[in-house]
């Protein structure tokens, strides 16, 4: 019985280590923390685009992976593309912006 009681803390530590290793990121997938960070960045970029009066936010899709923001969609002018990229780059946490937007 005493041996089992000593094993419980070691098993708990082993389970915690396994859980954290399972949440770590790799080249092809993001960890839990990175996923949350990317979600926050996406929300901030969407809000910044929405708050820019010269842009139609419904035309621009935003996705983020490991801090890289991808903008896509069909917009009405090159000025709108340039503004959206500038606005996205201005958001804290954005490492780079991939522009996949096209003119209508």
PDB file of N, CA and C in Angstrom:
ATOM      1  N   UNK A   1       0.828  -1.198   0.000  1.00  0.00           N
ATOM      2  CA  UNK A   1       0.000   0.000   0.000  1.00  0.00           C
ATOM      3  C   UNK A   1       0.869   1.258   0.000  1.00  0.00           C
ATOM      4  N   UNK A   2       1.935   1.235   0.801  1.00  0.00           N
ATOM      5  CA  UNK A   2       2.825   2.385   0.892  1.00  0.00           C
ATOM      6  C   UNK A   2       3.504   2.637  -0.453  1.00  0.00           C
ATOM      7  N   UNK A   3       3.802   1.569  -1.148  1.00  0.00           N
ATOM      8  CA  UNK A   3       4.445   1.693  -2.470  1.00  0.00           C
ATOM      9  C   UNK A   3       3.499   2.361  -3.464  1.00  0.00           C
ATOM     10  N   UNK A   4       2.237   2.047  -3.419  1.00  0.00           N
ATOM     11  CA  UNK A   4       1.234   2.644  -4.309  1.00  0.00           C
ATOM     12  C   UNK A   4       1.095   4.136  -4.015  1.00  0.00           C
ATOM     13  N   UNK A   5       1.111   4.498  -2.754  1.00  0.00           N
ATOM     14  CA  UNK A   5       0.993   5.907  -2.370  1.00  0.00           C
ATOM     15  C   UNK A   5       2.179   6.706  -2.912  1.00  0.00           C
ATOM     16  N   UNK A   6       3.375   6.109  -2.928  1.00  0.00           N
ATOM     17  CA  UNK A   6       4.542   6.800  -3.473  1.00  0.00           C
ATOM     18  C   UNK A   6       4.485   6.893  -4.995  1.00  0.00           C
ATOM     19  N   UNK A   7       3.809   5.978  -5.640  1.00  0.00           N
ATOM     20  CA  UNK A   7       3.703   5.971  -7.108  1.00  0.00           C
ATOM     21  C   UNK A   7       2.744   7.030  -7.637  1.00  0.00           C
ATOM     22  N   UNK A   8       1.740   7.395  -6.870  1.00  0.00           N
ATOM     23  CA  UNK A   8       0.712   8.332  -7.321  1.00  0.00           C
ATOM     24  C   UNK A   8       1.306   9.675  -7.755  1.00  0.00           C
ATOM     25  N   UNK A   9       2.169  10.326  -6.966  1.00  0.00           N
ATOM     26  CA  UNK A   9       2.735  11.599  -7.430  1.00  0.00           C
ATOM     27  C   UNK A   9       3.570  11.451  -8.702  1.00  0.00           C
ATOM     28  N   UNK A  10       4.319  10.345  -8.806  1.00  0.00           N
ATOM     29  CA  UNK A  10       5.126  10.126 -10.006  1.00  0.00           C
ATOM     30  C   UNK A  10       4.238   9.936 -11.236  1.00  0.00           C
ATOM     31  N   UNK A  11       3.148   9.228 -11.084  1.00  0.00           N
ATOM     32  CA  UNK A  11       2.218   9.038 -12.196  1.00  0.00           C
ATOM     33  C   UNK A  11       1.569  10.360 -12.596  1.00  0.00           C
ATOM     34  N   UNK A  12       1.240  11.174 -11.612  1.00  0.00           N
ATOM     35  CA  UNK A  12       0.638  12.479 -11.902  1.00  0.00           C
ATOM     36  C   UNK A  12       1.609  13.351 -12.686  1.00  0.00           C
ATOM     37  N   UNK A  13       2.862  13.367 -12.298  1.00  0.00           N
ATOM     38  CA  UNK A  13       3.880  14.151 -13.011  1.00  0.00           C
ATOM     39  C   UNK A  13       4.051  13.612 -14.430  1.00  0.00           C
ATOM     40  N   UNK A  14       4.095  12.314 -14.577  1.00  0.00           N
ATOM     41  CA  UNK A  14       4.247  11.704 -15.901  1.00  0.00           C
ATOM     42  C   UNK A  14       3.065  12.066 -16.804  1.00  0.00           C
ATOM     43  N   UNK A  15       1.871  12.091 -16.253  1.00  0.00           N
ATOM     44  CA  UNK A  15       0.691  12.461 -17.043  1.00  0.00           C
ATOM     45  C   UNK A  15       0.753  13.920 -17.464  1.00  0.00           C
ATOM     46  N   UNK A  16       1.192  14.801 -16.572  1.00  0.00           N
ATOM     47  CA  UNK A  16       1.320  16.219 -16.914  1.00  0.00           C
ATOM     48  C   UNK A  16       2.356  16.434 -18.008  1.00  0.00           C
ATOM     49  N   UNK A  17       3.479  15.755 -17.900  1.00  0.00           N
ATOM     50  CA  UNK A  17       4.515  15.884 -18.932  1.00  0.00           C
ATOM     51  C   UNK A  17       3.976  15.407 -20.277  1.00  0.00           C
ATOM     52  N   UNK A  18       3.290  14.287 -20.300  1.00  0.00           N
ATOM     53  CA  UNK A  18       2.720  13.764 -21.536  1.00  0.00           C
ATOM     54  C   UNK A  18       1.699  14.729 -22.125  1.00  0.00           C
ATOM     55  N   UNK A  19       0.914  15.364 -21.268  1.00  0.00           N
ATOM     56  CA  UNK A  19      -0.089  16.311 -21.747  1.00  0.00           C
ATOM     57  C   UNK A  19       0.579  17.518 -22.397  1.00  0.00           C
ATOM     58  N   UNK A  20       1.620  18.062 -21.771  1.00  0.00           N
ATOM     59  CA  UNK A  20       2.306  19.227 -22.328  1.00  0.00           C
ATOM     60  C   UNK A  20       3.041  18.884 -23.619  1.00  0.00           C
ATOM     61  N   UNK A  21       3.630  17.705 -23.683  1.00  0.00           N
ATOM     62  CA  UNK A  21       4.302  17.296 -24.918  1.00  0.00           C
ATOM     63  C   UNK A  21       3.276  17.128 -26.034  1.00  0.00           C
ATOM     64  N   UNK A  22       2.112  16.644 -25.712  1.00  0.00           N
ATOM     65  CA  UNK A  22       1.053  16.482 -26.699  1.00  0.00           C
ATOM     66  C   UNK A  22       0.527  17.802 -27.226  1.00  0.00           C
ATOM     67  N   UNK A  23       0.695  18.882 -26.477  1.00  0.00           N
ATOM     68  CA  UNK A  23       0.229  20.202 -26.891  1.00  0.00           C
ATOM     69  C   UNK A  23       1.316  21.019 -27.579  1.00  0.00           C
ATOM     70  N   UNK A  24       2.490  20.456 -27.723  1.00  0.00           N
ATOM     71  CA  UNK A  24       3.595  21.186 -28.355  1.00  0.00           C
ATOM     72  C   UNK A  24       3.370  21.272 -29.856  1.00  0.00           C
ATOM     73  N   UNK A  25       3.966  22.292 -30.465  1.00  0.00           N
ATOM     74  CA  UNK A  25       3.799  22.479 -31.896  1.00  0.00           C
ATOM     75  C   UNK A  25       4.872  21.738 -32.674  1.00  0.00           C
ATOM     76  N   UNK A  26       4.569  21.476 -33.933  1.00  0.00           N
ATOM     77  CA  UNK A  26       5.524  20.890 -34.864  1.00  0.00           C
ATOM     78  C   UNK A  26       5.538  21.766 -36.105  1.00  0.00           C
ATOM     79  N   UNK A  27       6.323  21.362 -37.101  1.00  0.00           N
ATOM     80  CA  UNK A  27       6.395  22.131 -38.349  1.00  0.00           C
ATOM     81  C   UNK A  27       5.026  22.226 -39.023  1.00  0.00           C
ATOM     82  N   UNK A  28       4.236  21.164 -38.925  1.00  0.00           N
ATOM     83  CA  UNK A  28       2.968  21.118 -39.656  1.00  0.00           C
ATOM     84  C   UNK A  28       1.740  21.382 -38.811  1.00  0.00           C
ATOM     85  N   UNK A  29       1.904  21.491 -37.501  1.00  0.00           N
ATOM     86  CA  UNK A  29       0.745  21.777 -36.658  1.00  0.00           C
ATOM     87  C   UNK A  29       1.136  22.747 -35.560  1.00  0.00           C
ATOM     88  N   UNK A  30       0.151  23.497 -35.104  1.00  0.00           N
ATOM     89  CA  UNK A  30       0.426  24.454 -34.035  1.00  0.00           C
ATOM     90  C   UNK A  30      -0.024  23.875 -32.703  1.00  0.00           C
ATOM     91  N   UNK A  31       0.667  24.273 -31.645  1.00  0.00           N
ATOM     92  CA  UNK A  31       0.298  23.849 -30.303  1.00  0.00           C
ATOM     93  C   UNK A  31      -0.903  24.641 -29.819  1.00  0.00           C
ATOM     94  N   UNK A  32      -1.403  24.277 -28.665  1.00  0.00           N
ATOM     95  CA  UNK A  32      -2.579  24.933 -28.114  1.00  0.00           C
ATOM     96  C   UNK A  32      -2.361  26.428 -27.934  1.00  0.00           C
ATOM     97  N   UNK A  33      -1.215  26.800 -27.374  1.00  0.00           N
ATOM     98  CA  UNK A  33      -0.924  28.217 -27.158  1.00  0.00           C
ATOM     99  C   UNK A  33      -0.839  28.989 -28.455  1.00  0.00           C
ATOM    100  N   UNK A  34      -0.188  28.391 -29.456  1.00  0.00           N
ATOM    101  CA  UNK A  34      -0.083  29.053 -30.759  1.00  0.00           C
ATOM    102  C   UNK A  34      -1.450  29.185 -31.412  1.00  0.00           C
ATOM    103  N   UNK A  35      -2.292  28.155 -31.272  1.00  0.00           N
ATOM    104  CA  UNK A  35      -3.630  28.204 -31.847  1.00  0.00           C
ATOM    105  C   UNK A  35      -4.425  29.359 -31.241  1.00  0.00           C
ATOM    106  N   UNK A  36      -4.321  29.513 -29.924  1.00  0.00           N
ATOM    107  CA  UNK A  36      -5.034  30.612 -29.253  1.00  0.00           C
ATOM    108  C   UNK A  36      -4.472  31.948 -29.706  1.00  0.00           C
ATOM    109  N   UNK A  37      -3.136  32.059 -29.797  1.00  0.00           N
ATOM    110  CA  UNK A  37      -2.521  33.296 -30.274  1.00  0.00           C
ATOM    111  C   UNK A  37      -2.999  33.623 -31.682  1.00  0.00           C
ATOM    112  N   UNK A  38      -3.021  32.624 -32.567  1.00  0.00           N
ATOM    113  CA  UNK A  38      -3.477  32.843 -33.940  1.00  0.00           C
ATOM    114  C   UNK A  38      -4.935  33.277 -33.988  1.00  0.00           C
ATOM    115  N   UNK A  39      -5.751  32.712 -33.118  1.00  0.00           N
ATOM    116  CA  UNK A  39      -7.163  33.089 -33.058  1.00  0.00           C
ATOM    117  C   UNK A  39      -7.309  34.549 -32.627  1.00  0.00           C
ATOM    118  N   UNK A  40      -6.512  34.965 -31.664  1.00  0.00           N
ATOM    119  CA  UNK A  40      -6.550  36.356 -31.195  1.00  0.00           C
ATOM    120  C   UNK A  40      -6.079  37.294 -32.306  1.00  0.00           C
ATOM    121  N   UNK A  41      -4.994  36.930 -32.984  1.00  0.00           N
ATOM    122  CA  UNK A  41      -4.488  37.760 -34.084  1.00  0.00           C
ATOM    123  C   UNK A  41      -5.539  37.880 -35.177  1.00  0.00           C
ATOM    124  N   UNK A  42      -6.171  36.774 -35.544  1.00  0.00           N
ATOM    125  CA  UNK A  42      -7.216  36.802 -36.570  1.00  0.00           C
ATOM    126  C   UNK A  42      -8.341  37.752 -36.170  1.00  0.00           C
ATOM    127  N   UNK A  43      -8.776  37.669 -34.921  1.00  0.00           N
ATOM    128  CA  UNK A  43      -9.856  38.545 -34.446  1.00  0.00           C
ATOM    129  C   UNK A  43      -9.438  40.013 -34.492  1.00  0.00           C
ATOM    130  N   UNK A  44      -8.193  40.295 -34.101  1.00  0.00           N
ATOM    131  CA  UNK A  44      -7.714  41.682 -34.124  1.00  0.00           C
ATOM    132  C   UNK A  44      -7.607  42.218 -35.543  1.00  0.00           C
ATOM    133  N   UNK A  45      -7.125  41.387 -36.468  1.00  0.00           N
ATOM    134  CA  UNK A  45      -7.021  41.823 -37.869  1.00  0.00           C
ATOM    135  C   UNK A  45      -8.410  42.065 -38.443  1.00  0.00           C
ATOM    136  N   UNK A  46      -9.351  41.155 -38.182  1.00  0.00           N
ATOM    137  CA  UNK A  46     -10.726  41.341 -38.669  1.00  0.00           C
ATOM    138  C   UNK A  46     -11.323  42.634 -38.118  1.00  0.00           C
ATOM    139  N   UNK A  47     -11.094  42.901 -36.835  1.00  0.00           N
ATOM    140  CA  UNK A  47     -11.616  44.128 -36.224  1.00  0.00           C
ATOM    141  C   UNK A  47     -10.977  45.361 -36.851  1.00  0.00           C
ATOM    142  N   UNK A  48      -9.673  45.309 -37.094  1.00  0.00           N
ATOM    143  CA  UNK A  48      -8.976  46.448 -37.697  1.00  0.00           C
ATOM    144  C   UNK A  48      -9.485  46.708 -39.113  1.00  0.00           C
ATOM    145  N   UNK A  49      -9.728  45.642 -39.858  1.00  0.00           N
ATOM    146  CA  UNK A  49     -10.262  45.799 -41.217  1.00  0.00           C
ATOM    147  C   UNK A  49     -11.687  46.343 -41.156  1.00  0.00           C
ATOM    148  N   UNK A  50     -12.484  45.828 -40.227  1.00  0.00           N
ATOM    149  CA  UNK A  50     -13.859  46.301 -40.060  1.00  0.00           C
ATOM    150  C   UNK A  50     -13.892  47.791 -39.710  1.00  0.00           C
ATOM    151  N   UNK A  51     -12.951  48.224 -38.883  1.00  0.00           N
ATOM    152  CA  UNK A  51     -12.911  49.620 -38.438  1.00  0.00           C
ATOM    153  C   UNK A  51     -12.291  50.563 -39.455  1.00  0.00           C
ATOM    154  N   UNK A  52     -11.749  50.036 -40.530  1.00  0.00           N
ATOM    155  CA  UNK A  52     -11.189  50.878 -41.595  1.00  0.00           C
ATOM    156  C   UNK A  52     -12.342  51.269 -42.531  1.00  0.00           C
ATOM    157  N   UNK A  53     -12.734  52.544 -42.548  1.00  0.00           N
ATOM    158  CA  UNK A  53     -13.925  52.949 -43.306  1.00  0.00           C
ATOM    159  C   UNK A  53     -13.824  52.748 -44.821  1.00  0.00           C
ATOM    160  N   UNK A  54     -12.624  52.661 -45.361  1.00  0.00           N
ATOM    161  CA  UNK A  54     -12.490  52.509 -46.815  1.00  0.00           C
ATOM    162  C   UNK A  54     -12.572  51.051 -47.268  1.00  0.00           C
ATOM    163  N   UNK A  55     -12.655  50.124 -46.323  1.00  0.00           N
ATOM    164  CA  UNK A  55     -12.697  48.698 -46.673  1.00  0.00           C
ATOM    165  C   UNK A  55     -14.070  48.099 -46.417  1.00  0.00           C
ATOM    166  N   UNK A  56     -14.427  47.126 -47.237  1.00  0.00           N
ATOM    167  CA  UNK A  56     -15.649  46.342 -47.023  1.00  0.00           C
ATOM    168  C   UNK A  56     -15.209  45.017 -46.409  1.00  0.00           C
ATOM    169  N   UNK A  57     -15.378  44.902 -45.111  1.00  0.00           N
ATOM    170  CA  UNK A  57     -14.850  43.747 -44.381  1.00  0.00           C
ATOM    171  C   UNK A  57     -15.457  42.419 -44.844  1.00  0.00           C
ATOM    172  N   UNK A  58     -16.659  42.448 -45.401  1.00  0.00           N
ATOM    173  CA  UNK A  58     -17.288  41.213 -45.855  1.00  0.00           C
ATOM    174  C   UNK A  58     -16.567  40.621 -47.067  1.00  0.00           C
ATOM    175  N   UNK A  59     -15.783  41.432 -47.770  1.00  0.00           N
ATOM    176  CA  UNK A  59     -15.065  40.963 -48.955  1.00  0.00           C
ATOM    177  C   UNK A  59     -13.733  40.301 -48.615  1.00  0.00           C
ATOM    178  N   UNK A  60     -13.240  40.486 -47.399  1.00  0.00           N
ATOM    179  CA  UNK A  60     -11.885  40.053 -47.048  1.00  0.00           C
ATOM    180  C   UNK A  60     -11.935  38.938 -46.007  1.00  0.00           C
ATOM    181  N   UNK A  61     -11.329  37.811 -46.339  1.00  0.00           N
ATOM    182  CA  UNK A  61     -11.217  36.684 -45.412  1.00  0.00           C
ATOM    183  C   UNK A  61      -9.849  36.730 -44.746  1.00  0.00           C
ATOM    184  N   UNK A  62      -9.814  36.393 -43.463  1.00  0.00           N
ATOM    185  CA  UNK A  62      -8.571  36.442 -42.688  1.00  0.00           C
ATOM    186  C   UNK A  62      -8.338  35.088 -42.037  1.00  0.00           C
ATOM    187  N   UNK A  63      -7.142  34.540 -42.231  1.00  0.00           N
ATOM    188  CA  UNK A  63      -6.723  33.322 -41.557  1.00  0.00           C
ATOM    189  C   UNK A  63      -5.311  33.552 -41.038  1.00  0.00           C
ATOM    190  N   UNK A  64      -4.975  32.929 -39.911  1.00  0.00           N
ATOM    191  CA  UNK A  64      -3.651  33.098 -39.322  1.00  0.00           C
ATOM    192  C   UNK A  64      -3.086  31.742 -38.946  1.00  0.00           C
ATOM    193  N   UNK A  65      -1.807  31.548 -39.262  1.00  0.00           N
ATOM    194  CA  UNK A  65      -1.106  30.328 -38.869  1.00  0.00           C
ATOM    195  C   UNK A  65       0.294  30.715 -38.426  1.00  0.00           C
ATOM    196  N   UNK A  66       0.587  30.473 -37.150  1.00  0.00           N
ATOM    197  CA  UNK A  66       1.884  30.797 -36.551  1.00  0.00           C
ATOM    198  C   UNK A  66       2.279  32.249 -36.782  1.00  0.00           C
ATOM    199  N   UNK A  67       1.308  33.144 -36.649  1.00  0.00           N
ATOM    200  CA  UNK A  67       1.564  34.577 -36.755  1.00  0.00           C
ATOM    201  C   UNK A  67       1.560  35.128 -38.167  1.00  0.00           C
ATOM    202  N   UNK A  68       1.443  34.261 -39.168  1.00  0.00           N
ATOM    203  CA  UNK A  68       1.386  34.697 -40.566  1.00  0.00           C
ATOM    204  C   UNK A  68      -0.079  34.833 -40.956  1.00  0.00           C
ATOM    205  N   UNK A  69      -0.467  36.047 -41.326  1.00  0.00           N
ATOM    206  CA  UNK A  69      -1.854  36.335 -41.673  1.00  0.00           C
ATOM    207  C   UNK A  69      -2.029  36.202 -43.181  1.00  0.00           C
ATOM    208  N   UNK A  70      -3.046  35.457 -43.581  1.00  0.00           N
ATOM    209  CA  UNK A  70      -3.376  35.338 -45.003  1.00  0.00           C
ATOM    210  C   UNK A  70      -4.684  36.075 -45.255  1.00  0.00           C
ATOM    211  N   UNK A  71      -4.631  37.021 -46.169  1.00  0.00           N
ATOM    212  CA  UNK A  71      -5.818  37.763 -46.583  1.00  0.00           C
ATOM    213  C   UNK A  71      -6.248  37.230 -47.939  1.00  0.00           C
ATOM    214  N   UNK A  72      -7.532  36.922 -48.078  1.00  0.00           N
ATOM    215  CA  UNK A  72      -8.039  36.434 -49.353  1.00  0.00           C
ATOM    216  C   UNK A  72      -9.413  37.039 -49.603  1.00  0.00           C
ATOM    217  N   UNK A  73      -9.885  36.888 -50.815  1.00  0.00           N
ATOM    218  CA  UNK A  73     -11.191  37.400 -51.191  1.00  0.00           C
ATOM    219  C   UNK A  73     -11.100  38.245 -52.448  1.00  0.00           C
ATOM    220  N   UNK A  74     -12.238  38.747 -52.861  1.00  0.00           N
ATOM    221  CA  UNK A  74     -12.331  39.569 -54.062  1.00  0.00           C
ATOM    222  C   UNK A  74     -12.707  40.987 -53.646  1.00  0.00           C
ATOM    223  N   UNK A  75     -11.837  41.935 -53.943  1.00  0.00           N
ATOM    224  CA  UNK A  75     -12.062  43.325 -53.572  1.00  0.00           C
ATOM    225  C   UNK A  75     -12.176  44.186 -54.827  1.00  0.00           C
ATOM    226  N   UNK A  76     -12.668  45.402 -54.638  1.00  0.00           N
ATOM    227  CA  UNK A  76     -13.007  46.248 -55.788  1.00  0.00           C
ATOM    228  C   UNK A  76     -11.849  47.075 -56.338  1.00  0.00           C
ATOM    229  N   UNK A  77     -10.741  47.225 -55.596  1.00  0.00           N
ATOM    230  CA  UNK A  77      -9.653  48.070 -56.107  1.00  0.00           C
ATOM    231  C   UNK A  77      -8.304  47.657 -55.538  1.00  0.00           C
ATOM    232  N   UNK A  78      -7.259  48.077 -56.234  1.00  0.00           N
ATOM    233  CA  UNK A  78      -5.905  47.836 -55.731  1.00  0.00           C
ATOM    234  C   UNK A  78      -5.668  48.624 -54.449  1.00  0.00           C
ATOM    235  N   UNK A  79      -6.298  49.786 -54.346  1.00  0.00           N
ATOM    236  CA  UNK A  79      -6.170  50.588 -53.126  1.00  0.00           C
ATOM    237  C   UNK A  79      -6.720  49.822 -51.918  1.00  0.00           C
ATOM    238  N   UNK A  80      -7.809  49.087 -52.112  1.00  0.00           N
ATOM    239  CA  UNK A  80      -8.384  48.290 -51.020  1.00  0.00           C
ATOM    240  C   UNK A  80      -7.420  47.180 -50.612  1.00  0.00           C
ATOM    241  N   UNK A  81      -6.767  46.567 -51.585  1.00  0.00           N
ATOM    242  CA  UNK A  81      -5.780  45.520 -51.286  1.00  0.00           C
ATOM    243  C   UNK A  81      -4.628  46.115 -50.479  1.00  0.00           C
ATOM    244  N   UNK A  82      -4.099  47.229 -50.954  1.00  0.00           N
ATOM    245  CA  UNK A  82      -2.974  47.872 -50.273  1.00  0.00           C
ATOM    246  C   UNK A  82      -3.340  48.290 -48.854  1.00  0.00           C
ATOM    247  N   UNK A  83      -4.532  48.825 -48.680  1.00  0.00           N
ATOM    248  CA  UNK A  83      -4.982  49.261 -47.358  1.00  0.00           C
ATOM    249  C   UNK A  83      -5.154  48.068 -46.423  1.00  0.00           C
ATOM    250  N   UNK A  84      -5.757  46.998 -46.905  1.00  0.00           N
ATOM    251  CA  UNK A  84      -5.971  45.811 -46.071  1.00  0.00           C
ATOM    252  C   UNK A  84      -4.638  45.217 -45.615  1.00  0.00           C
ATOM    253  N   UNK A  85      -3.676  45.153 -46.511  1.00  0.00           N
ATOM    254  CA  UNK A  85      -2.355  44.623 -46.150  1.00  0.00           C
ATOM    255  C   UNK A  85      -1.693  45.536 -45.122  1.00  0.00           C
ATOM    256  N   UNK A  86      -1.766  46.838 -45.327  1.00  0.00           N
ATOM    257  CA  UNK A  86      -1.172  47.795 -44.391  1.00  0.00           C
ATOM    258  C   UNK A  86      -1.820  47.675 -43.011  1.00  0.00           C
ATOM    259  N   UNK A  87      -3.145  47.590 -42.988  1.00  0.00           N
ATOM    260  CA  UNK A  87      -3.875  47.479 -41.719  1.00  0.00           C
ATOM    261  C   UNK A  87      -3.486  46.185 -40.999  1.00  0.00           C
ATOM    262  N   UNK A  88      -3.424  45.070 -41.729  1.00  0.00           N
ATOM    263  CA  UNK A  88      -3.069  43.780 -41.119  1.00  0.00           C
ATOM    264  C   UNK A  88      -1.656  43.809 -40.556  1.00  0.00           C
ATOM    265  N   UNK A  89      -0.727  44.408 -41.287  1.00  0.00           N
ATOM    266  CA  UNK A  89       0.663  44.490 -40.812  1.00  0.00           C
ATOM    267  C   UNK A  89       0.779  45.319 -39.536  1.00  0.00           C
ATOM    268  N   UNK A  90      -0.155  46.224 -39.317  1.00  0.00           N
ATOM    269  CA  UNK A  90      -0.126  47.085 -38.146  1.00  0.00           C
ATOM    270  C   UNK A  90      -0.648  46.446 -36.875  1.00  0.00           C
ATOM    271  N   UNK A  91      -1.176  45.244 -36.972  1.00  0.00           N
ATOM    272  CA  UNK A  91      -1.737  44.557 -35.803  1.00  0.00           C
ATOM    273  C   UNK A  91      -0.610  43.864 -35.033  1.00  0.00           C
ATOM    274  N   UNK A  92      -0.605  44.069 -33.732  1.00  0.00           N
ATOM    275  CA  UNK A  92       0.419  43.472 -32.876  1.00  0.00           C
ATOM    276  C   UNK A  92       0.350  41.951 -32.953  1.00  0.00           C
ATOM    277  N   UNK A  93       1.511  41.325 -33.123  1.00  0.00           N
ATOM    278  CA  UNK A  93       1.587  39.866 -33.184  1.00  0.00           C
ATOM    279  C   UNK A  93       1.685  39.323 -34.592  1.00  0.00           C
ATOM    280  N   UNK A  94       1.394  40.153 -35.590  1.00  0.00           N
ATOM    281  CA  UNK A  94       1.466  39.706 -36.983  1.00  0.00           C
ATOM    282  C   UNK A  94       2.932  39.660 -37.403  1.00  0.00           C
ATOM    283  N   UNK A  95       3.392  38.481 -37.834  1.00  0.00           N
ATOM    284  CA  UNK A  95       4.775  38.324 -38.276  1.00  0.00           C
ATOM    285  C   UNK A  95       4.921  38.736 -39.734  1.00  0.00           C
ATOM    286  N   UNK A  96       3.951  38.340 -40.551  1.00  0.00           N
ATOM    287  CA  UNK A  96       3.951  38.729 -41.961  1.00  0.00           C
ATOM    288  C   UNK A  96       2.537  38.581 -42.503  1.00  0.00           C
ATOM    289  N   UNK A  97       2.331  39.133 -43.697  1.00  0.00           N
ATOM    290  CA  UNK A  97       1.008  39.077 -44.330  1.00  0.00           C
ATOM    291  C   UNK A  97       1.160  38.460 -45.721  1.00  0.00           C
ATOM    292  N   UNK A  98       0.367  37.438 -45.976  1.00  0.00           N
ATOM    293  CA  UNK A  98       0.317  36.818 -47.301  1.00  0.00           C
ATOM    294  C   UNK A  98      -0.927  37.352 -47.995  1.00  0.00           C
ATOM    295  N   UNK A  99      -0.728  38.049 -49.084  1.00  0.00           N
ATOM    296  CA  UNK A  99      -1.847  38.663 -49.809  1.00  0.00           C
ATOM    297  C   UNK A  99      -2.321  37.726 -50.911  1.00  0.00           C
ATOM    298  N   UNK A 100      -3.517  37.194 -50.756  1.00  0.00           N
ATOM    299  CA  UNK A 100      -4.137  36.330 -51.755  1.00  0.00           C
ATOM    300  C   UNK A 100      -5.419  36.978 -52.297  1.00  0.00           C
ATOM    301  N   UNK A 101      -5.578  38.285 -52.065  1.00  0.00           N
ATOM    302  CA  UNK A 101      -6.780  38.970 -52.539  1.00  0.00           C
ATOM    303  C   UNK A 101      -6.684  39.201 -54.034  1.00  0.00           C
ATOM    304  N   UNK A 102      -7.839  39.228 -54.679  1.00  0.00           N
ATOM    305  CA  UNK A 102      -7.909  39.463 -56.114  1.00  0.00           C
ATOM    306  C   UNK A 102      -8.923  40.558 -56.402  1.00  0.00           C
ATOM    307  N   UNK A 103      -8.726  41.217 -57.528  1.00  0.00           N
ATOM    308  CA  UNK A 103      -9.666  42.253 -57.955  1.00  0.00           C
ATOM    309  C   UNK A 103     -10.891  41.613 -58.572  1.00  0.00           C
ATOM    310  N   UNK A 104     -12.058  42.230 -58.356  1.00  0.00           N
ATOM    311  CA  UNK A 104     -13.308  41.739 -58.933  1.00  0.00           C
ATOM    312  C   UNK A 104     -13.303  41.980 -60.419  1.00  0.00           C
TER     313      UNK A 104
END
